Amino acid sequence: MSTPASTILVVEDDDIVRMLIVDVLEELEFKVLEADGGEQALAILNDATKHIDLMMTDVGLPGMDGRELATEARKLRPELPILFASGYAESIEVPADMHVIGKPFSIDLLRDKVKGILAE
């Protein structure tokens, strides 16, 4: 019996980028929830009926940025793994228990990163 697919919440304000990430993750057989920004993401995180294994968020979101979102997300779900996507990955500071992937990233890199985080 296979284990149920992990669910990933993708937070990205660029519709095209978000669609590409979602397509890749779905091809890798993850279940994907989408949000176009912090408020929408927090609404999903606030829904206790939604199981989420990982939140992947762009750092540069309008309004609430990815780091602020991560802080709020951890208040709601203290154990939630968080993966930041950033075009400036080498210069971004993230808490020790959070992860970063540089944009643009390959499908293989995204797969390996996500699977690595979920395996922890």
N, C-alpha and C. Protein backbone atom coordinates (compact mmCIF):
# COMPACT_ATOMS: atom_id res chain seq x y z
N MET A 1 0.84 -1.19 0.00
CA MET A 1 0.00 0.00 0.00
C MET A 1 0.89 1.25 0.00
N SER A 2 0.59 2.17 -0.89
CA SER A 2 1.44 3.36 -0.96
C SER A 2 1.01 4.37 0.10
N THR A 3 1.96 5.16 0.54
CA THR A 3 1.64 6.18 1.52
C THR A 3 0.92 7.32 0.81
N PRO A 4 0.04 8.02 1.50
CA PRO A 4 -0.66 9.12 0.83
C PRO A 4 0.34 10.19 0.41
N ALA A 5 0.02 10.87 -0.67
CA ALA A 5 0.92 11.91 -1.18
C ALA A 5 1.06 13.03 -0.17
N SER A 6 2.27 13.55 -0.07
CA SER A 6 2.49 14.71 0.79
C SER A 6 1.82 15.93 0.16
N THR A 7 1.33 16.82 1.02
CA THR A 7 0.66 18.03 0.55
C THR A 7 1.57 19.23 0.73
N ILE A 8 1.74 19.99 -0.34
CA ILE A 8 2.61 21.15 -0.32
C ILE A 8 1.78 22.40 -0.61
N LEU A 9 1.93 23.38 0.24
CA LEU A 9 1.29 24.68 0.03
C LEU A 9 2.29 25.56 -0.69
N VAL A 10 1.95 25.98 -1.91
CA VAL A 10 2.83 26.83 -2.72
C VAL A 10 2.31 28.26 -2.68
N VAL A 11 3.16 29.17 -2.19
CA VAL A 11 2.79 30.59 -2.09
C VAL A 11 3.68 31.38 -3.03
N GLU A 12 3.08 31.93 -4.07
CA GLU A 12 3.84 32.63 -5.11
C GLU A 12 2.90 33.63 -5.77
N ASP A 13 3.29 34.91 -5.81
CA ASP A 13 2.38 35.93 -6.36
C ASP A 13 2.40 35.98 -7.88
N ASP A 14 3.43 35.43 -8.50
CA ASP A 14 3.49 35.41 -9.96
C ASP A 14 2.72 34.19 -10.47
N ASP A 15 1.61 34.43 -11.14
CA ASP A 15 0.72 33.34 -11.55
C ASP A 15 1.43 32.30 -12.40
N ILE A 16 2.27 32.75 -13.33
CA ILE A 16 2.94 31.82 -14.24
C ILE A 16 3.95 30.96 -13.48
N VAL A 17 4.73 31.61 -12.63
CA VAL A 17 5.71 30.87 -11.83
C VAL A 17 5.00 29.86 -10.92
N ARG A 18 3.92 30.31 -10.28
CA ARG A 18 3.17 29.43 -9.39
C ARG A 18 2.62 28.23 -10.16
N MET A 19 2.08 28.49 -11.35
CA MET A 19 1.52 27.42 -12.16
C MET A 19 2.60 26.40 -12.52
N LEU A 20 3.79 26.88 -12.88
CA LEU A 20 4.89 25.98 -13.23
C LEU A 20 5.31 25.12 -12.04
N ILE A 21 5.44 25.76 -10.87
CA ILE A 21 5.84 25.01 -9.67
C ILE A 21 4.79 23.96 -9.33
N VAL A 22 3.51 24.37 -9.40
CA VAL A 22 2.42 23.44 -9.10
C VAL A 22 2.44 22.26 -10.07
N ASP A 23 2.62 22.57 -11.37
CA ASP A 23 2.67 21.49 -12.37
C ASP A 23 3.78 20.50 -12.07
N VAL A 24 4.96 21.02 -11.75
CA VAL A 24 6.10 20.16 -11.45
C VAL A 24 5.81 19.29 -10.24
N LEU A 25 5.32 19.91 -9.17
CA LEU A 25 5.04 19.16 -7.94
C LEU A 25 3.96 18.10 -8.16
N GLU A 26 2.94 18.46 -8.95
CA GLU A 26 1.88 17.48 -9.21
C GLU A 26 2.42 16.33 -10.06
N GLU A 27 3.31 16.63 -11.00
CA GLU A 27 3.94 15.56 -11.79
C GLU A 27 4.75 14.63 -10.90
N LEU A 28 5.31 15.19 -9.82
CA LEU A 28 6.08 14.39 -8.87
C LEU A 28 5.16 13.69 -7.87
N GLU A 29 3.85 13.80 -8.11
CA GLU A 29 2.81 13.13 -7.34
C GLU A 29 2.63 13.68 -5.93
N PHE A 30 2.86 14.99 -5.80
CA PHE A 30 2.50 15.66 -4.55
C PHE A 30 1.11 16.25 -4.73
N LYS A 31 0.41 16.40 -3.61
CA LYS A 31 -0.84 17.13 -3.61
C LYS A 31 -0.46 18.59 -3.38
N VAL A 32 -1.07 19.51 -4.11
CA VAL A 32 -0.64 20.91 -4.02
C VAL A 32 -1.81 21.82 -3.71
N LEU A 33 -1.58 22.70 -2.73
CA LEU A 33 -2.51 23.79 -2.45
C LEU A 33 -1.81 25.06 -2.91
N GLU A 34 -2.58 26.02 -3.43
CA GLU A 34 -1.98 27.24 -3.97
C GLU A 34 -2.47 28.48 -3.25
N ALA A 35 -1.57 29.44 -3.10
CA ALA A 35 -1.95 30.75 -2.57
C ALA A 35 -1.15 31.80 -3.33
N ASP A 36 -1.78 32.94 -3.61
CA ASP A 36 -1.08 33.98 -4.37
C ASP A 36 -0.44 35.03 -3.47
N GLY A 37 -0.48 34.77 -2.16
CA GLY A 37 0.14 35.71 -1.24
C GLY A 37 -0.10 35.29 0.20
N GLY A 38 0.42 36.10 1.12
CA GLY A 38 0.37 35.76 2.53
C GLY A 38 -1.02 35.57 3.10
N GLU A 39 -1.94 36.48 2.74
CA GLU A 39 -3.28 36.39 3.33
C GLU A 39 -3.97 35.10 2.91
N GLN A 40 -3.88 34.79 1.64
CA GLN A 40 -4.51 33.56 1.15
C GLN A 40 -3.84 32.33 1.78
N ALA A 41 -2.52 32.38 1.93
CA ALA A 41 -1.80 31.26 2.55
C ALA A 41 -2.24 31.07 3.99
N LEU A 42 -2.36 32.18 4.73
CA LEU A 42 -2.76 32.08 6.14
C LEU A 42 -4.18 31.55 6.28
N ALA A 43 -5.04 31.89 5.34
CA ALA A 43 -6.42 31.36 5.37
C ALA A 43 -6.38 29.84 5.23
N ILE A 44 -5.52 29.34 4.35
CA ILE A 44 -5.38 27.89 4.16
C ILE A 44 -4.77 27.26 5.42
N LEU A 45 -3.73 27.90 5.96
CA LEU A 45 -3.06 27.37 7.16
C LEU A 45 -3.99 27.36 8.37
N ASN A 46 -4.91 28.31 8.40
CA ASN A 46 -5.87 28.41 9.50
C ASN A 46 -6.93 27.32 9.45
N ASP A 47 -7.07 26.68 8.30
CA ASP A 47 -8.09 25.64 8.13
C ASP A 47 -7.55 24.32 8.66
N ALA A 48 -8.01 23.96 9.84
CA ALA A 48 -7.49 22.76 10.52
C ALA A 48 -7.80 21.48 9.74
N THR A 49 -8.75 21.52 8.83
CA THR A 49 -9.09 20.32 8.06
C THR A 49 -8.07 20.07 6.94
N LYS A 50 -7.25 21.07 6.64
CA LYS A 50 -6.27 20.92 5.57
C LYS A 50 -4.94 20.41 6.13
N HIS A 51 -4.52 19.25 5.66
CA HIS A 51 -3.23 18.70 6.07
C HIS A 51 -2.16 19.28 5.15
N ILE A 52 -1.09 19.83 5.73
CA ILE A 52 0.00 20.40 4.94
C ILE A 52 1.32 19.86 5.47
N ASP A 53 2.13 19.30 4.56
CA ASP A 53 3.41 18.72 4.96
C ASP A 53 4.57 19.69 4.78
N LEU A 54 4.37 20.69 3.90
CA LEU A 54 5.45 21.62 3.58
C LEU A 54 4.84 22.88 3.00
N MET A 55 5.37 24.03 3.40
CA MET A 55 4.99 25.28 2.75
C MET A 55 6.19 25.77 1.96
N MET A 56 5.98 25.99 0.67
CA MET A 56 7.01 26.56 -0.19
C MET A 56 6.57 27.97 -0.54
N THR A 57 7.34 28.97 -0.15
CA THR A 57 6.93 30.34 -0.39
C THR A 57 8.02 31.17 -1.05
N ASP A 58 7.58 32.05 -1.94
CA ASP A 58 8.48 33.03 -2.50
C ASP A 58 8.84 33.98 -1.37
N VAL A 59 10.07 34.49 -1.38
CA VAL A 59 10.46 35.45 -0.35
C VAL A 59 9.84 36.81 -0.65
N GLY A 60 9.92 37.20 -1.91
CA GLY A 60 9.45 38.54 -2.30
C GLY A 60 7.98 38.59 -2.63
N LEU A 61 7.14 38.48 -1.63
CA LEU A 61 5.70 38.59 -1.84
C LEU A 61 5.28 40.04 -1.58
N PRO A 62 4.24 40.52 -2.28
CA PRO A 62 3.74 41.86 -1.97
C PRO A 62 3.04 41.87 -0.61
N GLY A 63 3.07 42.98 0.06
CA GLY A 63 2.44 43.04 1.39
C GLY A 63 3.31 42.31 2.39
N MET A 64 2.79 41.19 2.88
CA MET A 64 3.54 40.37 3.83
C MET A 64 4.58 39.56 3.06
N ASP A 65 5.87 39.72 3.38
CA ASP A 65 6.86 38.95 2.62
C ASP A 65 6.93 37.51 3.13
N GLY A 66 7.72 36.71 2.44
CA GLY A 66 7.78 35.29 2.75
C GLY A 66 8.23 35.00 4.17
N ARG A 67 9.16 35.82 4.66
CA ARG A 67 9.65 35.59 6.03
C ARG A 67 8.57 35.89 7.07
N GLU A 68 7.84 36.99 6.86
CA GLU A 68 6.75 37.32 7.79
C GLU A 68 5.68 36.22 7.73
N LEU A 69 5.42 35.75 6.53
CA LEU A 69 4.45 34.66 6.36
C LEU A 69 4.92 33.42 7.12
N ALA A 70 6.20 33.10 7.01
CA ALA A 70 6.74 31.92 7.70
C ALA A 70 6.57 32.04 9.21
N THR A 71 6.81 33.24 9.73
CA THR A 71 6.65 33.49 11.17
C THR A 71 5.20 33.23 11.59
N GLU A 72 4.26 33.78 10.81
CA GLU A 72 2.84 33.59 11.12
C GLU A 72 2.44 32.12 10.96
N ALA A 73 2.96 31.49 9.92
CA ALA A 73 2.63 30.09 9.66
C ALA A 73 3.06 29.21 10.83
N ARG A 74 4.24 29.49 11.38
CA ARG A 74 4.74 28.69 12.50
C ARG A 74 3.94 28.91 13.78
N LYS A 75 3.29 30.06 13.89
CA LYS A 75 2.41 30.27 15.05
C LYS A 75 1.20 29.34 14.94
N LEU A 76 0.74 29.14 13.72
CA LEU A 76 -0.42 28.28 13.49
C LEU A 76 -0.03 26.80 13.47
N ARG A 77 1.13 26.51 12.89
CA ARG A 77 1.59 25.12 12.73
C ARG A 77 3.07 25.07 13.05
N PRO A 78 3.39 24.93 14.33
CA PRO A 78 4.78 25.02 14.80
C PRO A 78 5.73 24.03 14.14
N GLU A 79 5.23 22.90 13.69
CA GLU A 79 6.10 21.86 13.11
C GLU A 79 6.25 21.97 11.60
N LEU A 80 5.59 22.93 10.99
CA LEU A 80 5.54 22.99 9.53
C LEU A 80 6.90 23.28 8.90
N PRO A 81 7.40 22.37 8.04
CA PRO A 81 8.64 22.67 7.31
C PRO A 81 8.37 23.79 6.30
N ILE A 82 9.35 24.67 6.15
CA ILE A 82 9.18 25.81 5.25
C ILE A 82 10.37 25.88 4.30
N LEU A 83 10.04 26.03 3.02
CA LEU A 83 11.05 26.17 1.97
C LEU A 83 10.85 27.52 1.30
N PHE A 84 11.87 28.36 1.37
CA PHE A 84 11.81 29.66 0.69
C PHE A 84 12.38 29.52 -0.71
N ALA A 85 11.73 30.14 -1.68
CA ALA A 85 12.27 30.23 -3.03
C ALA A 85 12.68 31.68 -3.24
N SER A 86 13.92 31.87 -3.67
CA SER A 86 14.40 33.23 -3.83
C SER A 86 15.39 33.35 -4.97
N GLY A 87 15.29 34.42 -5.71
CA GLY A 87 16.27 34.71 -6.75
C GLY A 87 17.59 35.16 -6.15
N TYR A 88 17.56 35.40 -4.84
CA TYR A 88 18.76 35.87 -4.14
C TYR A 88 19.12 34.89 -3.03
N ALA A 89 19.04 33.60 -3.34
CA ALA A 89 19.16 32.56 -2.30
C ALA A 89 20.45 32.66 -1.51
N GLU A 90 21.54 33.04 -2.17
CA GLU A 90 22.82 33.03 -1.47
C GLU A 90 22.90 34.15 -0.44
N SER A 91 22.04 35.18 -0.58
CA SER A 91 22.15 36.32 0.33
C SER A 91 21.02 36.36 1.35
N ILE A 92 20.17 35.35 1.35
CA ILE A 92 19.02 35.40 2.26
C ILE A 92 19.31 34.65 3.56
N GLU A 93 18.94 35.28 4.65
CA GLU A 93 19.11 34.65 5.97
C GLU A 93 17.80 33.98 6.35
N VAL A 94 17.85 32.71 6.66
CA VAL A 94 16.64 32.04 7.12
C VAL A 94 16.93 31.31 8.42
N PRO A 95 15.91 31.14 9.25
CA PRO A 95 16.10 30.39 10.49
C PRO A 95 16.68 29.01 10.20
N ALA A 96 17.38 28.48 11.17
CA ALA A 96 18.11 27.21 11.00
C ALA A 96 17.20 26.06 10.58
N ASP A 97 15.95 26.09 11.02
CA ASP A 97 15.07 24.96 10.70
C ASP A 97 14.22 25.22 9.45
N MET A 98 14.63 26.19 8.64
CA MET A 98 13.93 26.45 7.39
C MET A 98 14.92 26.28 6.24
N HIS A 99 14.41 26.19 5.04
CA HIS A 99 15.22 25.83 3.88
C HIS A 99 15.09 26.88 2.77
N VAL A 100 16.08 26.91 1.87
CA VAL A 100 16.05 27.85 0.75
C VAL A 100 16.38 27.12 -0.54
N ILE A 101 15.69 27.50 -1.60
CA ILE A 101 16.05 27.02 -2.93
C ILE A 101 16.19 28.27 -3.81
N GLY A 102 17.26 28.32 -4.59
CA GLY A 102 17.50 29.48 -5.45
C GLY A 102 16.67 29.42 -6.72
N LYS A 103 16.15 30.58 -7.12
CA LYS A 103 15.45 30.66 -8.41
C LYS A 103 16.43 31.18 -9.44
N PRO A 104 16.39 30.75 -10.66
CA PRO A 104 15.51 29.67 -11.12
C PRO A 104 16.08 28.31 -10.71
N PHE A 105 15.21 27.35 -10.50
CA PHE A 105 15.68 26.02 -10.10
C PHE A 105 15.20 24.99 -11.11
N SER A 106 15.96 23.92 -11.22
CA SER A 106 15.57 22.83 -12.13
C SER A 106 14.53 21.96 -11.44
N ILE A 107 13.83 21.21 -12.25
CA ILE A 107 12.84 20.27 -11.73
C ILE A 107 13.52 19.27 -10.79
N ASP A 108 14.71 18.80 -11.19
CA ASP A 108 15.42 17.82 -10.36
C ASP A 108 15.81 18.40 -9.01
N LEU A 109 16.28 19.65 -9.04
CA LEU A 109 16.68 20.28 -7.78
C LEU A 109 15.47 20.46 -6.87
N LEU A 110 14.36 20.91 -7.44
CA LEU A 110 13.14 21.08 -6.65
C LEU A 110 12.70 19.75 -6.05
N ARG A 111 12.69 18.71 -6.88
CA ARG A 111 12.29 17.38 -6.39
C ARG A 111 13.18 16.92 -5.25
N ASP A 112 14.50 17.03 -5.45
CA ASP A 112 15.43 16.55 -4.43
C ASP A 112 15.29 17.35 -3.14
N LYS A 113 15.12 18.66 -3.27
CA LYS A 113 15.00 19.54 -2.11
C LYS A 113 13.74 19.18 -1.32
N VAL A 114 12.62 19.09 -2.02
CA VAL A 114 11.34 18.79 -1.37
C VAL A 114 11.37 17.41 -0.71
N LYS A 115 11.87 16.42 -1.44
CA LYS A 115 11.91 15.07 -0.88
C LYS A 115 12.85 15.01 0.32
N GLY A 116 13.96 15.74 0.23
CA GLY A 116 14.90 15.79 1.36
C GLY A 116 14.27 16.38 2.60
N ILE A 117 13.55 17.49 2.42
CA ILE A 117 12.90 18.14 3.56
C ILE A 117 11.83 17.22 4.16
N LEU A 118 11.03 16.61 3.31
CA LEU A 118 9.94 15.75 3.79
C LEU A 118 10.47 14.49 4.48
N ALA A 119 11.69 14.08 4.11
CA ALA A 119 12.27 12.88 4.71
C ALA A 119 12.83 13.15 6.11
N GLU A 120 13.01 14.41 6.46
CA GLU A 120 13.62 14.75 7.76
C GLU A 120 12.75 14.34 8.93
